[in-house]
Amino acid sequence: MDENSIAWKVALKAHEQGAQFTLTNAPVALRMGEIKKLSEICNAPIIGADATIVEDLEKLVSESMNHLGGKLDFVLHSIGMSPNVRKGKTYTDVNYEWMQKTYDISAFSLHKTLQTCMKQDALNDWASVLALTYIAAQRSFPGYGDMADAKATLESIVRSFGYYYGTQKKVRVNSISQSPTMTTAGSGIKGFDSFFGFAEKMSPLGNASADACADYCVSMFSDLTRYVTMQNLFHDGGFSNVGVSDAIMHLFEEKKGE
């Protein structure tokens, strides 16, 4: 997590609205020190946890409740990593052990988080859980690799766990499908810069920024959206509903005339 990440900006926005919360990251990432700056700004303690290890999540949830003095009102799942993508493996030539890591980090960690919260009865009635995702879960995007499969699984967990948590505790579980965003994680995808420009020309409103996504997340944490659950919510300037745009057509027409 760094200043460019969506999770960082969500924390700042939530702090501006008076929210109290805890911060977490994998122990190896905590050594880099970036999150300490955010902790100081938001007056939020850091509790290290590997989201793939249930014992770590149990400690994270129980210590968060102890610090905050009760059950939680919202949780943000902003985790995604693919060893295959990082190491340049194509989708048709993945390392399957790495692929399992992709699923565990990017998708199953949400299930583990939700299950841990449910077992500890850690969430208040009408609490809101959000997970960040991307439209590659529904459509093919070369370069996104096995992350696309992981995001599809993540969105399925949102629907499935959302049903059970809704019926039992009125807890809302949703995912937000964000525009391509200039974050450290996003920029690591091959051809990201070109695709960022393409999406900008395809979207009637342009790409949604990380700051705008943070605003949307905070609105989803609030009681103003308390009957929204089990949804994959597109926050992409309209990209998801555009077949082709005039701007893209003009580019092809210009090339044709050269």
Protein backbone atom coordinates (compact mmCIF):
# COMPACT_ATOMS: atom_id res chain seq x y z
CA MET A 1 0.00 0.00 0.00
CA ASP A 2 1.27 3.47 -0.90
CA GLU A 3 -0.08 6.95 -1.58
CA ASN A 4 -1.23 5.92 -5.07
CA SER A 5 -3.28 2.93 -3.91
CA ILE A 6 -7.05 3.03 -3.72
CA ALA A 7 -6.99 1.59 -0.19
CA TRP A 8 -4.81 4.50 0.96
CA LYS A 9 -7.24 7.03 -0.49
CA VAL A 10 -10.24 5.22 1.01
CA ALA A 11 -8.61 5.47 4.43
CA LEU A 12 -8.09 9.22 3.99
CA LYS A 13 -11.70 9.76 2.86
CA ALA A 14 -13.09 7.66 5.71
CA HIS A 15 -10.94 9.60 8.18
CA GLU A 16 -12.27 12.88 6.77
CA GLN A 17 -15.80 11.64 7.50
CA GLY A 18 -14.90 10.89 11.11
CA ALA A 19 -14.53 7.13 10.83
CA GLN A 20 -12.26 5.19 13.17
CA PHE A 21 -10.58 2.07 11.83
CA THR A 22 -7.50 -0.10 11.81
CA LEU A 23 -5.03 -0.61 8.98
CA THR A 24 -3.38 -3.81 7.86
CA ASN A 25 -0.94 -5.16 5.34
CA ALA A 26 1.18 -8.27 4.90
CA PRO A 27 4.09 -8.39 7.37
CA VAL A 28 6.63 -8.26 4.52
CA ALA A 29 5.01 -5.07 3.17
CA LEU A 30 5.01 -3.41 6.59
CA ARG A 31 8.80 -3.36 6.58
CA MET A 32 8.73 -0.82 3.75
CA GLY A 33 7.32 1.78 6.12
CA GLU A 34 4.86 3.56 3.78
CA ILE A 35 1.78 2.61 5.78
CA LYS A 36 3.20 4.22 8.92
CA LYS A 37 2.65 7.63 7.36
CA LEU A 38 -1.03 6.81 6.74
CA SER A 39 -1.36 5.49 10.28
CA GLU A 40 -0.16 8.81 11.68
CA ILE A 41 -2.48 10.86 9.47
CA CYS A 42 -5.56 8.80 10.33
CA ASN A 43 -4.60 7.97 13.93
CA ALA A 44 -5.22 4.34 13.01
CA PRO A 45 -3.19 1.45 14.44
CA ILE A 46 -1.49 -1.00 12.09
CA ILE A 47 -2.14 -4.69 12.66
CA GLY A 48 -0.02 -6.88 10.42
CA ALA A 49 -1.72 -9.86 8.79
CA ASP A 50 -1.21 -12.24 5.90
CA ALA A 51 -4.71 -12.40 4.39
CA THR A 52 -4.12 -15.97 3.21
CA ILE A 53 -3.55 -17.24 6.78
CA VAL A 54 -6.71 -17.69 8.86
CA GLU A 55 -4.84 -17.37 12.17
CA ASP A 56 -3.53 -13.96 11.10
CA LEU A 57 -7.04 -12.85 10.13
CA GLU A 58 -8.47 -14.05 13.45
CA LYS A 59 -5.88 -11.92 15.25
CA LEU A 60 -6.57 -8.94 12.97
CA VAL A 61 -10.33 -9.07 13.56
CA SER A 62 -10.17 -9.61 17.33
CA GLU A 63 -7.54 -6.90 17.86
CA SER A 64 -9.50 -4.48 15.67
CA MET A 65 -12.60 -5.01 17.79
CA ASN A 66 -10.57 -4.55 20.98
CA HIS A 67 -9.08 -1.30 19.71
CA LEU A 68 -12.35 0.11 18.37
CA GLY A 69 -14.38 -0.96 21.37
CA GLY A 70 -16.88 -3.21 19.66
CA LYS A 71 -18.06 -4.67 16.39
CA LEU A 72 -17.08 -3.29 13.00
CA ASP A 73 -19.22 -1.24 10.61
CA PHE A 74 -17.17 -1.68 7.42
CA VAL A 75 -14.36 -3.70 5.87
CA LEU A 76 -12.43 -2.99 2.67
CA HIS A 77 -10.79 -5.87 0.79
CA SER A 78 -8.22 -4.30 -1.52
CA ILE A 79 -5.88 -7.19 -2.27
CA GLY A 80 -4.65 -8.50 -5.59
CA MET A 81 -1.43 -10.09 -6.79
CA SER A 82 -0.43 -12.59 -9.46
CA PRO A 83 3.07 -14.11 -9.49
CA ASN A 84 2.43 -15.17 -13.10
CA VAL A 85 1.66 -11.60 -14.21
CA ARG A 86 4.56 -10.18 -12.23
CA LYS A 87 6.98 -12.64 -13.79
CA GLY A 88 5.67 -12.26 -17.34
CA LYS A 89 4.01 -15.66 -17.72
CA THR A 90 1.27 -15.64 -20.36
CA TYR A 91 -2.21 -16.99 -19.64
CA THR A 92 -1.58 -20.05 -21.81
CA ASP A 93 1.69 -20.86 -20.07
CA VAL A 94 1.03 -20.28 -16.38
CA ASN A 95 2.86 -21.84 -13.50
CA TYR A 96 0.05 -23.63 -11.67
CA GLU A 97 1.59 -23.31 -8.23
CA TRP A 98 1.79 -19.56 -8.82
CA MET A 99 -1.79 -19.61 -10.09
CA GLN A 100 -2.94 -21.13 -6.81
CA LYS A 101 -1.18 -18.27 -5.04
CA THR A 102 -3.03 -15.81 -7.28
CA TYR A 103 -6.37 -17.33 -6.24
CA ASP A 104 -5.43 -17.51 -2.57
CA ILE A 105 -4.24 -13.91 -2.36
CA SER A 106 -6.70 -12.25 -4.73
CA ALA A 107 -9.92 -14.19 -4.12
CA PHE A 108 -9.94 -16.77 -1.33
CA SER A 109 -8.62 -14.14 1.09
CA LEU A 110 -12.04 -12.47 0.86
CA HIS A 111 -13.81 -15.71 1.81
CA LYS A 112 -11.39 -16.22 4.70
CA THR A 113 -11.97 -12.66 5.88
CA LEU A 114 -15.75 -12.97 5.73
CA GLN A 115 -15.77 -16.38 7.38
CA THR A 116 -13.51 -15.12 10.16
CA CYS A 117 -15.76 -12.12 10.75
CA MET A 118 -18.85 -14.31 10.83
CA LYS A 119 -17.35 -16.82 13.27
CA GLN A 120 -16.27 -14.02 15.60
CA ASP A 121 -19.59 -12.17 15.14
CA ALA A 122 -17.40 -9.18 14.36
CA LEU A 123 -19.71 -7.12 12.15
CA ASN A 124 -22.64 -4.98 13.24
CA ASP A 125 -26.04 -5.44 11.64
CA TRP A 126 -26.10 -3.54 8.32
CA ALA A 127 -22.29 -3.44 8.19
CA SER A 128 -20.75 -3.08 4.74
CA VAL A 129 -17.98 -5.17 3.19
CA LEU A 130 -16.43 -4.04 -0.09
CA ALA A 131 -14.00 -5.80 -2.41
CA LEU A 132 -12.23 -4.12 -5.33
CA THR A 133 -12.40 -5.90 -8.68
CA TYR A 134 -12.05 -5.31 -12.42
CA ILE A 135 -14.13 -5.92 -15.57
CA ALA A 136 -11.64 -8.57 -16.72
CA ALA A 137 -13.74 -10.89 -14.54
CA GLN A 138 -16.41 -10.71 -17.27
CA ARG A 139 -14.46 -9.90 -20.43
CA SER A 140 -11.17 -10.96 -21.95
CA PHE A 141 -8.28 -8.51 -21.50
CA PRO A 142 -4.91 -9.71 -22.81
CA GLY A 143 -2.20 -9.11 -20.26
CA TYR A 144 -4.44 -9.46 -17.21
CA GLY A 145 -3.65 -13.17 -17.08
CA ASP A 146 -4.86 -15.39 -14.26
CA MET A 147 -5.93 -12.33 -12.29
CA ALA A 148 -9.07 -12.35 -14.45
CA ASP A 149 -10.00 -15.81 -13.15
CA ALA A 150 -9.23 -14.74 -9.58
CA LYS A 151 -11.45 -11.66 -9.90
CA ALA A 152 -14.28 -13.79 -11.30
CA THR A 153 -13.98 -16.01 -8.23
CA LEU A 154 -13.88 -12.95 -5.98
CA GLU A 155 -17.15 -11.68 -7.45
CA SER A 156 -18.74 -15.10 -6.99
CA ILE A 157 -17.74 -15.04 -3.31
CA VAL A 158 -19.38 -11.61 -3.01
CA ARG A 159 -22.66 -13.06 -4.26
CA SER A 160 -22.51 -16.33 -2.35
CA PHE A 161 -21.28 -15.05 1.01
CA GLY A 162 -23.40 -11.95 0.60
CA TYR A 163 -26.54 -14.09 0.65
CA TYR A 164 -25.64 -15.87 3.88
CA TYR A 165 -24.35 -12.77 5.65
CA GLY A 166 -27.41 -10.81 4.56
CA THR A 167 -29.92 -13.35 5.80
CA GLN A 168 -28.12 -13.91 9.10
CA LYS A 169 -26.90 -10.45 10.07
CA LYS A 170 -28.10 -7.94 7.45
CA VAL A 171 -24.46 -7.46 6.48
CA ARG A 172 -23.94 -6.09 2.95
CA VAL A 173 -21.25 -7.55 0.69
CA ASN A 174 -20.46 -5.89 -2.65
CA SER A 175 -17.64 -5.49 -5.14
CA ILE A 176 -16.65 -2.33 -6.99
CA SER A 177 -15.36 -2.78 -10.53
CA GLN A 178 -13.03 0.18 -10.95
CA SER A 179 -11.64 1.83 -14.09
CA PRO A 180 -8.01 1.07 -14.92
CA THR A 181 -6.25 3.21 -12.33
CA MET A 182 -2.71 4.54 -12.08
CA THR A 183 -1.73 2.57 -9.00
CA THR A 184 1.45 0.62 -8.34
CA ALA A 185 -0.42 -2.66 -8.82
CA GLY A 186 -2.18 -1.58 -12.02
CA SER A 187 0.89 -0.18 -13.69
CA GLY A 188 2.61 -3.55 -13.32
CA ILE A 189 0.37 -5.08 -16.00
CA LYS A 190 1.88 -5.32 -19.48
CA GLY A 191 0.57 -2.63 -21.83
CA PHE A 192 -1.24 -0.83 -19.00
CA ASP A 193 -0.44 2.68 -20.22
CA SER A 194 -1.93 1.97 -23.66
CA PHE A 195 -5.02 0.40 -22.20
CA PHE A 196 -5.49 3.28 -19.77
CA GLY A 197 -5.64 5.63 -22.77
CA PHE A 198 -8.03 3.31 -24.63
CA ALA A 199 -10.42 3.14 -21.66
CA GLU A 200 -10.29 6.92 -21.33
CA LYS A 201 -11.46 7.30 -24.94
CA MET A 202 -14.12 4.59 -24.56
CA SER A 203 -15.71 5.94 -21.38
CA PRO A 204 -18.22 8.80 -21.77
CA LEU A 205 -17.11 10.26 -18.43
CA GLY A 206 -13.48 9.21 -18.74
CA ASN A 207 -11.67 6.92 -16.35
CA ALA A 208 -12.69 7.15 -12.72
CA SER A 209 -9.77 8.22 -10.54
CA ALA A 210 -8.62 6.53 -7.35
CA ASP A 211 -9.93 9.54 -5.39
CA ALA A 212 -13.37 9.16 -6.99
CA CYS A 213 -13.33 5.45 -6.20
CA ALA A 214 -12.58 6.29 -2.58
CA ASP A 215 -15.65 8.57 -2.51
CA TYR A 216 -17.76 5.73 -3.87
CA CYS A 217 -16.41 3.30 -1.30
CA VAL A 218 -17.24 5.65 1.55
CA SER A 219 -20.77 6.07 0.21
CA MET A 220 -21.10 2.27 0.17
CA PHE A 221 -19.93 2.11 3.79
CA SER A 222 -22.65 4.55 4.80
CA ASP A 223 -26.29 3.91 5.73
CA LEU A 224 -27.33 5.74 2.54
CA THR A 225 -26.72 2.50 0.59
CA ARG A 226 -27.92 0.01 3.17
CA TYR A 227 -30.11 -2.02 0.79
CA VAL A 228 -27.37 -2.64 -1.78
CA THR A 229 -25.81 -6.07 -1.46
CA MET A 230 -24.43 -8.97 -3.55
CA GLN A 231 -23.76 -6.53 -6.39
CA ASN A 232 -20.81 -5.94 -8.67
CA LEU A 233 -20.92 -2.17 -9.04
CA PHE A 234 -19.20 -0.66 -12.05
CA HIS A 235 -17.33 2.55 -11.28
CA ASP A 236 -15.77 3.11 -14.68
CA GLY A 237 -17.15 6.25 -16.32
CA GLY A 238 -19.55 4.14 -18.39
CA PHE A 239 -16.88 1.91 -19.98
CA SER A 240 -18.74 -1.31 -19.13
CA ASN A 241 -21.77 -0.34 -21.24
CA VAL A 242 -20.05 1.11 -24.31
CA GLY A 243 -19.57 -1.03 -27.41
CA VAL A 244 -17.51 1.54 -29.28
CA SER A 245 -17.04 5.30 -28.92
CA ASP A 246 -16.75 8.11 -31.45
CA ALA A 247 -13.26 8.86 -30.13
CA ILE A 248 -12.08 5.33 -30.94
CA MET A 249 -13.80 5.37 -34.34
CA HIS A 250 -12.07 8.65 -35.18
CA LEU A 251 -8.70 7.09 -34.39
CA PHE A 252 -9.32 4.28 -36.84
CA GLU A 253 -10.62 6.69 -39.48
CA GLU A 254 -7.49 8.82 -39.10
CA LYS A 255 -5.24 5.79 -39.50
CA LYS A 256 -7.23 4.65 -42.52
CA GLY A 257 -6.67 8.05 -44.15
CA GLU A 258 -2.90 8.01 -43.62
